[in-house]
Amino acid sequence: MLNPPRQAPAPKVAPHHPMLNNSIVDCALYVDGVRQPGELAFPDAVALAGRNPRAFVWLGLHEPTADEFGYVAEVFGLHELAVEEATAKVNRPKMDRYGDHTRVVLRTARYVEHAELNEWSEVVETGHIMVFLGARFVVTVRHGAPGALAEVRADLERRRAFLAMGPWSVAHAIMDRMVDAYMDVADSVDDDVNKLEEAVFARHRSEHIAHIYQLKREIVEFRRAVVPLQRPMQRLLEDRAELPAGLRRYFKSVSDHLNRVVEQINSYDELLNTVLQARLAQLSVDQNNDMRKIAAYAAMAAAQTAIAGIYGMNFTHMPELQWRYGYFGVLIVMALSIFVIYRLFRRSGWL
């Protein structure tokens, strides 16, 4: 029989099973939202939770191998289809149900600080977290996103009444933290988009078009992490049998925040498309201006070439050749033609 719930110092790291080496980040047994004292191997914690309807186990793993997670799946009774992708490093956000347990795949996102945007800048760094939920257990598998769940666990352990709602309270806390991170990333990306827009339309523009493409690629990566989560969230809210009634409004709030982030991402993509089109238009205008200048200078050169060509012909009877001041007169005509043509092109805005 378990002891009554009481506050106790929580172990920082669970004892490692030989099959798991260093993959276990933390393992704890919770009863009525209170972490139980002492160090428990997770098979023992699972056995204890199975005998108490008010208890559940939360096992946290970091990048386990296929063999290591195979052992975890055997202890928790996870479906083989749910296990296949657990050790993969890239997964699309989704939610799948396998009999008595559910698998939720989430993508993490973190904004990477940079002094200035260039074609090699990484603006958004992503990882993923897989959450397995049963009636008496939560198993989290993290790839990348260092420390993403440590703060979630610490915060939940201070909210005992909420944690007492069971494994889905953990799922909510993780999703809520991920979506909050999405909002932070979206706000930071907004600053980059605004700076890029200002640079493109500045009087002395220096932004390279590759910078715009780089930011668009990063936003596409961010979109892949965020947008696919909308459908699982909607399914979760529609399924009244899956969610405890007390948690539904919390998930609804997370869904609303997620939809807001998706709207922001879409607006950034549209704005970047506009900026890109504007930059391409600027390049086209600049090229046209260059072509005008080249054409104007070519016209000035053509006039001189024509005059020089006429007087360079080797005919016997050319009256101007006998003029005393013919040479200087031709030079003056050539200079005047250059001046007149230059003034005409200058007035028309070509020079």
Protein backbone atom coordinates (compact mmCIF):
# COMPACT_ATOMS: atom_id res chain seq x y z
CA MET A 1 0.00 0.00 0.00
CA LEU A 2 1.33 3.44 -0.90
CA ASN A 3 1.98 6.00 1.77
CA PRO A 4 -0.41 8.98 1.91
CA PRO A 5 0.65 11.88 -0.34
CA ARG A 6 3.24 14.09 1.26
CA GLN A 7 5.88 16.58 0.22
CA ALA A 8 9.34 15.15 -0.15
CA PRO A 9 12.58 16.05 -1.84
CA ALA A 10 12.44 14.77 -5.42
CA PRO A 11 15.32 12.87 -6.96
CA LYS A 12 17.01 14.72 -9.76
CA VAL A 13 17.79 11.60 -11.81
CA ALA A 14 16.07 8.24 -11.70
CA PRO A 15 18.14 5.08 -11.22
CA HIS A 16 19.24 3.79 -14.60
CA HIS A 17 18.24 0.36 -15.79
CA PRO A 18 21.07 -1.51 -17.54
CA MET A 19 19.01 -1.56 -20.75
CA LEU A 20 18.71 2.24 -20.79
CA ASN A 21 22.22 3.46 -19.98
CA ASN A 22 21.95 7.26 -19.77
CA SER A 23 18.71 7.77 -21.71
CA ILE A 24 16.56 8.32 -18.62
CA VAL A 25 16.36 12.00 -17.71
CA ASP A 26 13.89 11.59 -14.84
CA CYS A 27 11.36 9.10 -13.56
CA ALA A 28 8.82 9.72 -10.81
CA LEU A 29 5.65 8.30 -9.31
CA TYR A 30 2.89 10.83 -8.58
CA VAL A 31 -0.04 10.25 -6.24
CA ASP A 32 -2.73 12.94 -6.09
CA GLY A 33 -0.31 15.29 -7.85
CA VAL A 34 2.49 14.79 -5.31
CA ARG A 35 5.82 13.31 -6.30
CA GLN A 36 6.64 10.33 -4.12
CA PRO A 37 9.98 10.26 -2.31
CA GLY A 38 12.82 7.92 -3.06
CA GLU A 39 14.36 6.56 -6.22
CA LEU A 40 12.32 4.04 -8.18
CA ALA A 41 13.25 2.05 -11.25
CA PHE A 42 10.48 2.68 -13.71
CA PRO A 43 9.26 -0.97 -13.84
CA ASP A 44 8.70 -0.76 -10.06
CA ALA A 45 6.98 2.62 -10.42
CA VAL A 46 4.67 1.17 -13.09
CA ALA A 47 3.75 -1.71 -10.80
CA LEU A 48 2.95 0.66 -7.92
CA ALA A 49 0.88 2.96 -10.14
CA GLY A 50 -1.12 -0.02 -11.38
CA ARG A 51 -2.32 -0.70 -7.84
CA ASN A 52 -3.44 2.87 -7.09
CA PRO A 53 -6.10 4.61 -9.25
CA ARG A 54 -4.84 8.01 -8.03
CA ALA A 55 -1.25 7.42 -9.17
CA PHE A 56 0.67 7.63 -12.44
CA VAL A 57 4.28 7.39 -13.62
CA TRP A 58 6.12 10.01 -15.65
CA LEU A 59 9.23 8.70 -17.40
CA GLY A 60 11.38 11.18 -19.32
CA LEU A 61 13.82 9.92 -21.97
CA HIS A 62 16.37 11.71 -24.13
CA GLU A 63 17.28 10.23 -27.51
CA PRO A 64 16.97 6.54 -26.59
CA THR A 65 18.20 3.90 -29.02
CA ALA A 66 15.78 1.48 -30.65
CA ASP A 67 16.76 -1.32 -28.24
CA GLU A 68 16.42 0.94 -25.22
CA PHE A 69 12.99 2.17 -26.19
CA GLY A 70 11.95 -1.36 -27.10
CA TYR A 71 12.44 -2.30 -23.46
CA VAL A 72 10.42 0.74 -22.31
CA ALA A 73 7.62 -0.22 -24.71
CA GLU A 74 7.58 -3.73 -23.31
CA VAL A 75 7.23 -2.50 -19.72
CA PHE A 76 4.50 0.05 -20.52
CA GLY A 77 2.71 -2.13 -23.07
CA LEU A 78 3.06 0.33 -25.95
CA HIS A 79 1.78 -0.68 -29.37
CA GLU A 80 4.49 -1.69 -31.84
CA LEU A 81 3.28 0.88 -34.39
CA ALA A 82 3.63 3.61 -31.78
CA VAL A 83 7.18 2.51 -31.08
CA GLU A 84 8.48 2.51 -34.66
CA GLU A 85 8.92 6.29 -34.88
CA ALA A 86 9.98 6.89 -31.29
CA THR A 87 13.68 6.90 -32.11
CA ALA A 88 13.35 8.95 -35.32
CA LYS A 89 14.72 12.49 -35.17
CA VAL A 90 12.19 14.13 -37.48
CA ASN A 91 8.45 13.67 -37.12
CA ARG A 92 5.42 15.62 -38.27
CA PRO A 93 3.20 16.82 -35.38
CA LYS A 94 0.30 14.40 -35.01
CA MET A 95 -1.79 12.37 -32.57
CA ASP A 96 -2.50 8.64 -32.83
CA ARG A 97 -4.56 6.36 -30.59
CA TYR A 98 -3.57 2.76 -29.97
CA GLY A 99 -6.17 1.02 -27.84
CA ASP A 100 -5.66 2.14 -24.26
CA HIS A 101 -2.93 4.70 -24.93
CA THR A 102 -2.27 7.73 -27.13
CA ARG A 103 0.84 9.05 -28.84
CA VAL A 104 1.29 12.78 -29.43
CA VAL A 105 4.17 14.10 -31.54
CA LEU A 106 5.19 17.74 -31.02
CA ARG A 107 7.84 19.86 -32.71
CA THR A 108 9.81 22.25 -30.55
CA ALA A 109 11.01 25.61 -31.85
CA ARG A 110 13.62 28.05 -30.56
CA TYR A 111 14.69 31.40 -31.95
CA VAL A 112 18.42 31.60 -32.66
CA GLU A 113 19.88 35.00 -31.85
CA HIS A 114 22.02 36.55 -34.59
CA ALA A 115 23.76 39.89 -35.03
CA GLU A 116 22.50 40.28 -38.59
CA LEU A 117 20.59 38.21 -41.09
CA ASN A 118 22.55 36.61 -43.91
CA GLU A 119 22.17 33.63 -46.22
CA TRP A 120 23.73 31.31 -43.62
CA SER A 121 21.73 32.48 -40.62
CA GLU A 122 19.68 29.88 -38.75
CA VAL A 123 16.71 31.77 -37.39
CA VAL A 124 14.58 28.90 -36.07
CA GLU A 125 16.01 25.75 -34.49
CA THR A 126 13.63 22.80 -34.16
CA GLY A 127 13.53 19.49 -32.32
CA HIS A 128 10.74 17.14 -31.40
CA ILE A 129 9.07 15.57 -28.40
CA MET A 130 6.98 12.42 -28.43
CA VAL A 131 4.48 11.90 -25.60
CA PHE A 132 2.90 8.52 -24.81
CA LEU A 133 -0.16 8.75 -22.58
CA GLY A 134 -1.96 5.95 -20.77
CA ALA A 135 -4.33 5.76 -17.83
CA ARG A 136 -1.42 5.39 -15.38
CA PHE A 137 1.63 6.66 -17.21
CA VAL A 138 3.29 9.38 -19.28
CA VAL A 139 6.42 8.64 -21.32
CA THR A 140 8.18 11.58 -22.98
CA VAL A 141 10.87 11.05 -25.60
CA ARG A 142 12.89 14.13 -26.49
CA HIS A 143 15.16 14.69 -29.49
CA GLY A 144 17.01 18.00 -29.43
CA ALA A 145 15.43 20.89 -27.51
CA PRO A 146 17.75 20.66 -24.48
CA GLY A 147 16.03 21.26 -21.15
CA ALA A 148 12.63 21.68 -22.75
CA LEU A 149 10.80 19.49 -20.23
CA ALA A 150 12.75 20.09 -17.02
CA GLU A 151 10.98 23.40 -16.40
CA VAL A 152 7.61 21.86 -17.30
CA ARG A 153 8.06 19.12 -14.71
CA ALA A 154 9.24 21.54 -12.04
CA ASP A 155 6.30 23.86 -12.68
CA LEU A 156 3.78 21.01 -12.58
CA GLU A 157 5.16 19.69 -9.31
CA ARG A 158 4.31 23.07 -7.78
CA ARG A 159 0.72 22.80 -9.09
CA ARG A 160 -0.40 19.66 -7.30
CA ALA A 161 -4.13 20.09 -7.84
CA PHE A 162 -3.61 20.41 -11.57
CA LEU A 163 -1.14 17.52 -11.73
CA ALA A 164 -3.64 15.37 -9.82
CA MET A 165 -5.86 15.41 -12.94
CA GLY A 166 -3.61 12.71 -14.33
CA PRO A 167 -1.41 12.11 -17.38
CA TRP A 168 -3.34 14.50 -19.62
CA SER A 169 -2.40 17.36 -17.29
CA VAL A 170 1.22 16.62 -18.24
CA ALA A 171 0.28 16.60 -21.94
CA HIS A 172 -1.39 19.99 -21.54
CA ALA A 173 1.60 21.49 -19.73
CA ILE A 174 3.97 20.28 -22.46
CA MET A 175 1.75 21.55 -25.29
CA ASP A 176 1.22 24.85 -23.51
CA ARG A 177 4.98 25.34 -23.08
CA MET A 178 5.62 24.43 -26.73
CA VAL A 179 2.96 26.86 -28.00
CA ASP A 180 4.29 29.62 -25.72
CA ALA A 181 7.70 29.01 -27.29
CA TYR A 182 6.08 29.27 -30.74
CA MET A 183 4.66 32.67 -29.77
CA ASP A 184 8.09 33.87 -28.62
CA VAL A 185 9.68 32.68 -31.87
CA ALA A 186 6.92 34.36 -33.90
CA ASP A 187 7.52 37.68 -32.13
CA SER A 188 11.26 37.46 -32.77
CA VAL A 189 10.75 36.53 -36.42
CA ASP A 190 8.42 39.52 -36.69
CA ASP A 191 11.35 41.78 -35.76
CA ASP A 192 13.51 40.18 -38.47
CA VAL A 193 10.78 40.60 -41.08
CA ASN A 194 10.28 44.27 -40.16
CA LYS A 195 14.02 44.99 -40.28
CA LEU A 196 14.30 43.30 -43.65
CA GLU A 197 11.33 45.26 -44.97
CA GLU A 198 12.85 48.55 -43.78
CA ALA A 199 16.20 47.67 -45.35
CA VAL A 200 14.63 46.82 -48.71
CA PHE A 201 12.77 50.13 -48.89
CA ALA A 202 15.56 52.24 -47.39
CA ARG A 203 17.14 54.98 -49.49
CA HIS A 204 20.50 53.23 -49.45
CA ARG A 205 19.44 49.63 -49.81
CA SER A 206 22.07 47.02 -49.21
CA GLU A 207 20.05 43.89 -48.45
CA HIS A 208 20.80 40.97 -50.73
CA ILE A 209 17.89 39.02 -52.14
CA ALA A 210 19.41 35.85 -50.65
CA HIS A 211 18.62 37.20 -47.18
CA ILE A 212 14.93 37.28 -48.05
CA TYR A 213 15.04 33.71 -49.33
CA GLN A 214 16.87 32.59 -46.19
CA LEU A 215 14.24 34.07 -43.91
CA LYS A 216 11.51 32.49 -46.05
CA ARG A 217 13.18 29.08 -45.67
CA GLU A 218 13.33 29.51 -41.91
CA ILE A 219 9.65 30.49 -41.81
CA VAL A 220 8.82 27.38 -43.86
CA GLU A 221 10.67 25.29 -41.26
CA PHE A 222 8.76 27.05 -38.50
CA ARG A 223 5.48 26.45 -40.34
CA ARG A 224 6.23 22.72 -40.56
CA ALA A 225 6.63 22.63 -36.79
CA VAL A 226 3.46 24.57 -35.99
CA VAL A 227 0.72 24.23 -38.59
CA PRO A 228 0.31 20.40 -38.55
CA LEU A 229 -0.46 20.56 -34.81
CA GLN A 230 -3.78 22.30 -35.50
CA ARG A 231 -5.57 19.16 -36.64
CA PRO A 232 -4.59 16.99 -33.63
CA MET A 233 -5.62 19.79 -31.28
CA GLN A 234 -9.00 20.04 -33.00
CA ARG A 235 -9.51 16.27 -32.81
CA LEU A 236 -8.61 16.31 -29.15
CA LEU A 237 -11.16 19.02 -28.36
CA GLU A 238 -13.87 17.21 -30.33
CA ASP A 239 -13.29 13.87 -28.58
CA ARG A 240 -15.08 14.20 -25.26
CA ALA A 241 -14.16 10.68 -24.17
CA GLU A 242 -10.40 11.30 -24.37
CA LEU A 243 -9.98 14.49 -22.34
CA PRO A 244 -10.96 14.86 -18.68
CA ALA A 245 -13.72 17.46 -18.45
CA GLY A 246 -11.66 19.70 -16.15
CA LEU A 247 -8.86 19.99 -18.71
CA ARG A 248 -10.93 20.81 -21.79
CA ARG A 249 -10.90 24.57 -21.28
CA TYR A 250 -7.13 24.53 -20.78
CA PHE A 251 -6.61 22.73 -24.09
CA LYS A 252 -9.03 25.16 -25.74
CA SER A 253 -6.79 28.03 -24.60
CA VAL A 254 -3.72 26.29 -26.06
CA SER A 255 -5.59 25.75 -29.33
CA ASP A 256 -6.51 29.44 -29.51
CA HIS A 257 -2.89 30.47 -28.98
CA LEU A 258 -1.77 27.97 -31.62
CA ASN A 259 -4.23 29.39 -34.15
CA ARG A 260 -2.92 32.87 -33.42
CA VAL A 261 0.65 31.75 -34.13
CA VAL A 262 -0.45 30.13 -37.40
CA GLU A 263 -2.07 33.41 -38.45
CA GLN A 264 1.16 35.25 -37.65
CA ILE A 265 3.22 32.80 -39.70
CA ASN A 266 0.88 33.17 -42.66
CA SER A 267 1.08 36.95 -42.43
CA TYR A 268 4.90 36.81 -42.33
CA ASP A 269 4.96 34.60 -45.40
CA GLU A 270 2.65 36.96 -47.29
CA LEU A 271 4.68 39.99 -46.21
CA LEU A 272 7.94 38.36 -47.29
CA ASN A 273 6.39 37.53 -50.65
CA THR A 274 5.47 41.20 -51.00
CA VAL A 275 8.97 42.30 -49.96
CA LEU A 276 10.51 39.82 -52.38
CA GLN A 277 8.36 41.05 -55.26
CA ALA A 278 9.20 44.64 -54.34
CA ARG A 279 12.92 43.83 -54.27
CA LEU A 280 12.70 42.10 -57.65
CA ALA A 281 10.86 45.14 -59.02
CA GLN A 282 13.61 47.37 -57.63
CA LEU A 283 16.25 45.23 -59.32
CA SER A 284 14.32 45.44 -62.59
CA VAL A 285 14.08 49.23 -62.29
CA ASP A 286 17.79 49.48 -61.46
CA GLN A 287 18.63 47.34 -64.49
CA ASN A 288 16.42 49.52 -66.70
CA ASN A 289 18.15 52.63 -65.38
CA ASP A 290 21.52 51.08 -66.13
CA MET A 291 20.38 50.20 -69.65
CA ARG A 292 19.19 53.80 -70.18
CA LYS A 293 22.56 55.15 -69.12
CA ILE A 294 24.37 52.71 -71.37
CA ALA A 295 22.11 53.65 -74.28
CA ALA A 296 22.68 57.39 -73.65
CA TYR A 297 26.45 57.02 -73.56
CA ALA A 298 26.29 54.81 -76.65
CA ALA A 299 24.34 57.56 -78.47
CA MET A 300 27.01 60.12 -77.56
CA ALA A 301 29.72 57.79 -78.79
CA ALA A 302 27.77 57.00 -81.95
CA ALA A 303 27.61 60.70 -82.93
CA GLN A 304 31.37 61.04 -82.64
CA THR A 305 31.91 57.80 -84.49
CA ALA A 306 29.70 59.00 -87.34
CA ILE A 307 31.59 62.31 -87.68
CA ALA A 308 34.97 60.62 -87.44
CA GLY A 309 33.85 58.00 -89.93
CA ILE A 310 32.79 60.61 -92.48
CA TYR A 311 36.04 62.54 -92.33
CA GLY A 312 38.06 59.39 -92.17
CA MET A 313 36.96 58.36 -95.66
CA ASN A 314 39.79 58.53 -98.16
CA PHE A 315 38.12 60.44 -101.05
CA THR A 316 39.99 62.93 -103.22
CA HIS A 317 37.23 65.52 -103.50
CA MET A 318 36.18 66.40 -99.95
CA PRO A 319 35.94 70.23 -99.76
CA GLU A 320 36.17 70.33 -95.95
CA LEU A 321 39.63 68.81 -96.12
CA GLN A 322 40.94 72.00 -97.66
CA TRP A 323 39.50 74.31 -95.02
CA ARG A 324 42.13 76.05 -92.96
CA TYR A 325 40.26 75.58 -89.71
CA GLY A 326 38.37 72.44 -90.69
CA TYR A 327 40.12 70.24 -88.12
CA PHE A 328 39.28 72.54 -85.23
CA GLY A 329 35.76 73.04 -86.58
CA VAL A 330 35.08 69.31 -86.62
CA LEU A 331 36.38 68.98 -83.07
CA ILE A 332 34.05 71.77 -81.98
CA VAL A 333 31.10 70.11 -83.74
CA MET A 334 31.92 66.81 -82.02
CA ALA A 335 32.11 68.49 -78.62
CA LEU A 336 28.84 70.36 -79.23
CA SER A 337 27.10 67.17 -80.30
CA ILE A 338 28.19 65.46 -77.09
CA PHE A 339 26.95 68.39 -75.03
CA VAL A 340 23.58 68.58 -76.83
CA ILE A 341 22.96 64.84 -76.60
CA TYR A 342 23.97 64.82 -72.92
CA ARG A 343 21.56 67.68 -72.15
CA LEU A 344 18.72 65.95 -73.97
CA PHE A 345 19.21 62.68 -72.09
CA ARG A 346 19.71 64.55 -68.83
CA ARG A 347 16.42 66.40 -69.29
CA SER A 348 14.58 63.16 -70.08
CA GLY A 349 15.91 61.51 -66.90
CA TRP A 350 18.11 58.95 -68.58
CA LEU A 351 21.28 60.39 -67.04
